[in-house]
Amino acid sequence: MKLTTFNSFGKITINKKAISKVAAVSVLECVGVVGLVSQRSFFKGNAITTAHRGVVVTTLGNDVMNIDVYVIMRHCGVAASAVAESIKQSVKYSVERFAGMIVKNVVVHIVDVRI
């Protein structure tokens, strides 16, 4: 599961796990985020410590991808939509800067809210 792009220096191949880790770090830096949750642990309600779990990267072409993020949010007086928008912008910027590829969509799935 790798993404490939080409530039003036040649072929670049990046593993999806590396992109997931970059996205996960940028999500965890956002205000109002408690943690990431794997798709498999929806019903368990456990925050996970492995950085790339909770981020799903889907390729649409050679240089285009979609990213789904599964988060646990903290109720901190900020609207959930504002936190989700912050997550989207942060992930898009970080991954595009890291990988040099286009992030078409970032979808934020709010799994749980902690008070």
C-alpha atoms as a PDB file:
ATOM      1  CA  MET A   1       0.000   0.000   0.000  1.00  0.00           C
ATOM      2  CA  LYS A   2       2.124   2.820  -1.310  1.00  0.00           C
ATOM      3  CA  LEU A   3       1.565   6.112  -3.071  1.00  0.00           C
ATOM      4  CA  THR A   4       3.784   7.058  -5.980  1.00  0.00           C
ATOM      5  CA  THR A   5       4.468  10.452  -7.502  1.00  0.00           C
ATOM      6  CA  PHE A   6       6.975  11.811  -9.978  1.00  0.00           C
ATOM      7  CA  ASN A   7       8.828  15.108 -10.006  1.00  0.00           C
ATOM      8  CA  SER A   8      11.935  16.566 -11.613  1.00  0.00           C
ATOM      9  CA  PHE A   9      14.159  14.398  -9.397  1.00  0.00           C
ATOM     10  CA  GLY A  10      12.448  11.135 -10.318  1.00  0.00           C
ATOM     11  CA  LYS A  11      10.003   8.674  -8.770  1.00  0.00           C
ATOM     12  CA  ILE A  12       8.956   9.043  -5.128  1.00  0.00           C
ATOM     13  CA  THR A  13       7.167   6.253  -3.261  1.00  0.00           C
ATOM     14  CA  ILE A  14       5.613   6.890   0.150  1.00  0.00           C
ATOM     15  CA  ASN A  15       3.994   4.222   2.305  1.00  0.00           C
ATOM     16  CA  LYS A  16       0.399   4.962   3.415  1.00  0.00           C
ATOM     17  CA  LYS A  17       1.456   4.291   6.997  1.00  0.00           C
ATOM     18  CA  ALA A  18       3.906   7.212   6.843  1.00  0.00           C
ATOM     19  CA  ILE A  19       1.198   9.519   5.515  1.00  0.00           C
ATOM     20  CA  SER A  20      -1.160   8.279   8.238  1.00  0.00           C
ATOM     21  CA  LYS A  21       1.389   9.127  10.921  1.00  0.00           C
ATOM     22  CA  VAL A  22       1.869  12.657   9.602  1.00  0.00           C
ATOM     23  CA  ALA A  23      -1.901  13.155   9.510  1.00  0.00           C
ATOM     24  CA  ALA A  24      -2.303  11.707  13.017  1.00  0.00           C
ATOM     25  CA  VAL A  25       0.296  14.040  14.503  1.00  0.00           C
ATOM     26  CA  SER A  26      -1.374  17.061  12.922  1.00  0.00           C
ATOM     27  CA  VAL A  27      -4.773  15.927  14.289  1.00  0.00           C
ATOM     28  CA  LEU A  28      -3.419  15.480  17.809  1.00  0.00           C
ATOM     29  CA  GLU A  29      -1.980  19.014  17.752  1.00  0.00           C
ATOM     30  CA  CYS A  30      -5.454  20.523  17.215  1.00  0.00           C
ATOM     31  CA  VAL A  31      -7.247  22.086  20.172  1.00  0.00           C
ATOM     32  CA  GLY A  32     -10.191  20.003  21.376  1.00  0.00           C
ATOM     33  CA  VAL A  33      -8.899  16.597  20.265  1.00  0.00           C
ATOM     34  CA  VAL A  34      -8.416  13.927  22.931  1.00  0.00           C
ATOM     35  CA  GLY A  35      -7.243  11.107  20.686  1.00  0.00           C
ATOM     36  CA  LEU A  36      -7.734   8.944  17.643  1.00  0.00           C
ATOM     37  CA  VAL A  37      -9.856   5.812  17.474  1.00  0.00           C
ATOM     38  CA  SER A  38      -9.444   2.836  15.193  1.00  0.00           C
ATOM     39  CA  GLN A  39     -12.479   1.888  13.110  1.00  0.00           C
ATOM     40  CA  ARG A  40     -12.469  -1.502  14.799  1.00  0.00           C
ATOM     41  CA  SER A  41     -12.744  -0.072  18.302  1.00  0.00           C
ATOM     42  CA  PHE A  42     -15.831   2.111  17.782  1.00  0.00           C
ATOM     43  CA  PHE A  43     -17.874   0.173  20.272  1.00  0.00           C
ATOM     44  CA  LYS A  44     -15.082  -0.248  22.792  1.00  0.00           C
ATOM     45  CA  GLY A  45     -14.586   3.518  23.138  1.00  0.00           C
ATOM     46  CA  ASN A  46     -10.841   3.222  23.668  1.00  0.00           C
ATOM     47  CA  ALA A  47      -8.421   5.904  22.576  1.00  0.00           C
ATOM     48  CA  ILE A  48      -5.391   4.325  20.979  1.00  0.00           C
ATOM     49  CA  THR A  49      -1.753   5.217  21.287  1.00  0.00           C
ATOM     50  CA  THR A  50      -0.437   3.995  17.934  1.00  0.00           C
ATOM     51  CA  ALA A  51      -0.280   7.119  15.826  1.00  0.00           C
ATOM     52  CA  HIS A  52      -1.487   5.840  12.476  1.00  0.00           C
ATOM     53  CA  ARG A  53      -4.576   3.976  13.702  1.00  0.00           C
ATOM     54  CA  GLY A  54      -7.603   6.181  13.373  1.00  0.00           C
ATOM     55  CA  VAL A  55      -6.448   7.615  10.045  1.00  0.00           C
ATOM     56  CA  VAL A  56      -7.443   5.952   6.766  1.00  0.00           C
ATOM     57  CA  VAL A  57      -5.731   7.020   3.540  1.00  0.00           C
ATOM     58  CA  THR A  58      -7.503   6.186   0.270  1.00  0.00           C
ATOM     59  CA  THR A  59      -5.812   6.750  -3.079  1.00  0.00           C
ATOM     60  CA  LEU A  60      -7.783   8.206  -5.967  1.00  0.00           C
ATOM     61  CA  GLY A  61      -4.963   8.358  -8.472  1.00  0.00           C
ATOM     62  CA  ASN A  62      -1.210   8.749  -8.576  1.00  0.00           C
ATOM     63  CA  ASP A  63      -1.057  12.117  -6.842  1.00  0.00           C
ATOM     64  CA  VAL A  64      -4.519  12.392  -5.228  1.00  0.00           C
ATOM     65  CA  MET A  65      -5.836  10.952  -1.957  1.00  0.00           C
ATOM     66  CA  ASN A  66      -8.707  11.127   0.514  1.00  0.00           C
ATOM     67  CA  ILE A  67      -8.129  10.960   4.257  1.00  0.00           C
ATOM     68  CA  ASP A  68     -10.647   9.835   6.888  1.00  0.00           C
ATOM     69  CA  VAL A  69      -9.923  10.706  10.521  1.00  0.00           C
ATOM     70  CA  TYR A  70     -11.712   9.094  13.495  1.00  0.00           C
ATOM     71  CA  VAL A  71     -11.386  11.303  16.591  1.00  0.00           C
ATOM     72  CA  ILE A  72     -12.462  11.641  20.194  1.00  0.00           C
ATOM     73  CA  MET A  73     -13.138  15.282  20.998  1.00  0.00           C
ATOM     74  CA  ARG A  74     -13.098  17.151  24.267  1.00  0.00           C
ATOM     75  CA  HIS A  75     -15.988  19.479  25.087  1.00  0.00           C
ATOM     76  CA  CYS A  76     -14.006  22.659  25.660  1.00  0.00           C
ATOM     77  CA  GLY A  77     -16.476  25.407  24.814  1.00  0.00           C
ATOM     78  CA  VAL A  78     -15.609  25.423  21.117  1.00  0.00           C
ATOM     79  CA  ALA A  79     -18.114  24.248  18.506  1.00  0.00           C
ATOM     80  CA  ALA A  80     -17.438  20.753  17.158  1.00  0.00           C
ATOM     81  CA  SER A  81     -17.729  22.086  13.615  1.00  0.00           C
ATOM     82  CA  ALA A  82     -14.937  24.597  14.301  1.00  0.00           C
ATOM     83  CA  VAL A  83     -12.665  21.875  15.689  1.00  0.00           C
ATOM     84  CA  ALA A  84     -13.460  19.617  12.711  1.00  0.00           C
ATOM     85  CA  GLU A  85     -12.644  22.437  10.274  1.00  0.00           C
ATOM     86  CA  SER A  86      -9.352  23.035  12.088  1.00  0.00           C
ATOM     87  CA  ILE A  87      -8.540  19.330  11.795  1.00  0.00           C
ATOM     88  CA  LYS A  88      -9.331  19.333   8.070  1.00  0.00           C
ATOM     89  CA  GLN A  89      -7.101  22.325   7.341  1.00  0.00           C
ATOM     90  CA  SER A  90      -4.262  21.047   9.505  1.00  0.00           C
ATOM     91  CA  VAL A  91      -4.265  17.550   7.975  1.00  0.00           C
ATOM     92  CA  LYS A  92      -4.537  18.849   4.418  1.00  0.00           C
ATOM     93  CA  TYR A  93      -1.652  21.288   4.891  1.00  0.00           C
ATOM     94  CA  SER A  94       0.633  18.830   6.719  1.00  0.00           C
ATOM     95  CA  VAL A  95       0.148  15.918   4.338  1.00  0.00           C
ATOM     96  CA  GLU A  96       0.411  18.001   1.170  1.00  0.00           C
ATOM     97  CA  ARG A  97       3.582  19.626   2.452  1.00  0.00           C
ATOM     98  CA  PHE A  98       5.076  16.293   3.544  1.00  0.00           C
ATOM     99  CA  ALA A  99       4.124  14.144   0.558  1.00  0.00           C
ATOM    100  CA  GLY A 100       3.932  16.673  -2.249  1.00  0.00           C
ATOM    101  CA  MET A 101       0.622  15.113  -3.272  1.00  0.00           C
ATOM    102  CA  ILE A 102      -2.908  16.492  -3.381  1.00  0.00           C
ATOM    103  CA  VAL A 103      -5.377  15.793  -0.579  1.00  0.00           C
ATOM    104  CA  LYS A 104      -8.803  16.055  -2.180  1.00  0.00           C
ATOM    105  CA  ASN A 105     -10.938  15.474   0.934  1.00  0.00           C
ATOM    106  CA  VAL A 106     -10.414  15.173   4.656  1.00  0.00           C
ATOM    107  CA  VAL A 107     -13.428  13.661   6.406  1.00  0.00           C
ATOM    108  CA  VAL A 108     -13.604  13.977  10.193  1.00  0.00           C
ATOM    109  CA  HIS A 109     -15.626  11.313  11.994  1.00  0.00           C
ATOM    110  CA  ILE A 110     -16.396  12.330  15.587  1.00  0.00           C
ATOM    111  CA  VAL A 111     -16.662   9.028  17.427  1.00  0.00           C
ATOM    112  CA  ASP A 112     -17.000  10.271  20.996  1.00  0.00           C
ATOM    113  CA  VAL A 113     -17.074  13.471  23.047  1.00  0.00           C
ATOM    114  CA  ARG A 114     -15.438  13.643  26.469  1.00  0.00           C
ATOM    115  CA  ILE A 115     -16.613  16.137  29.042  1.00  0.00           C
END
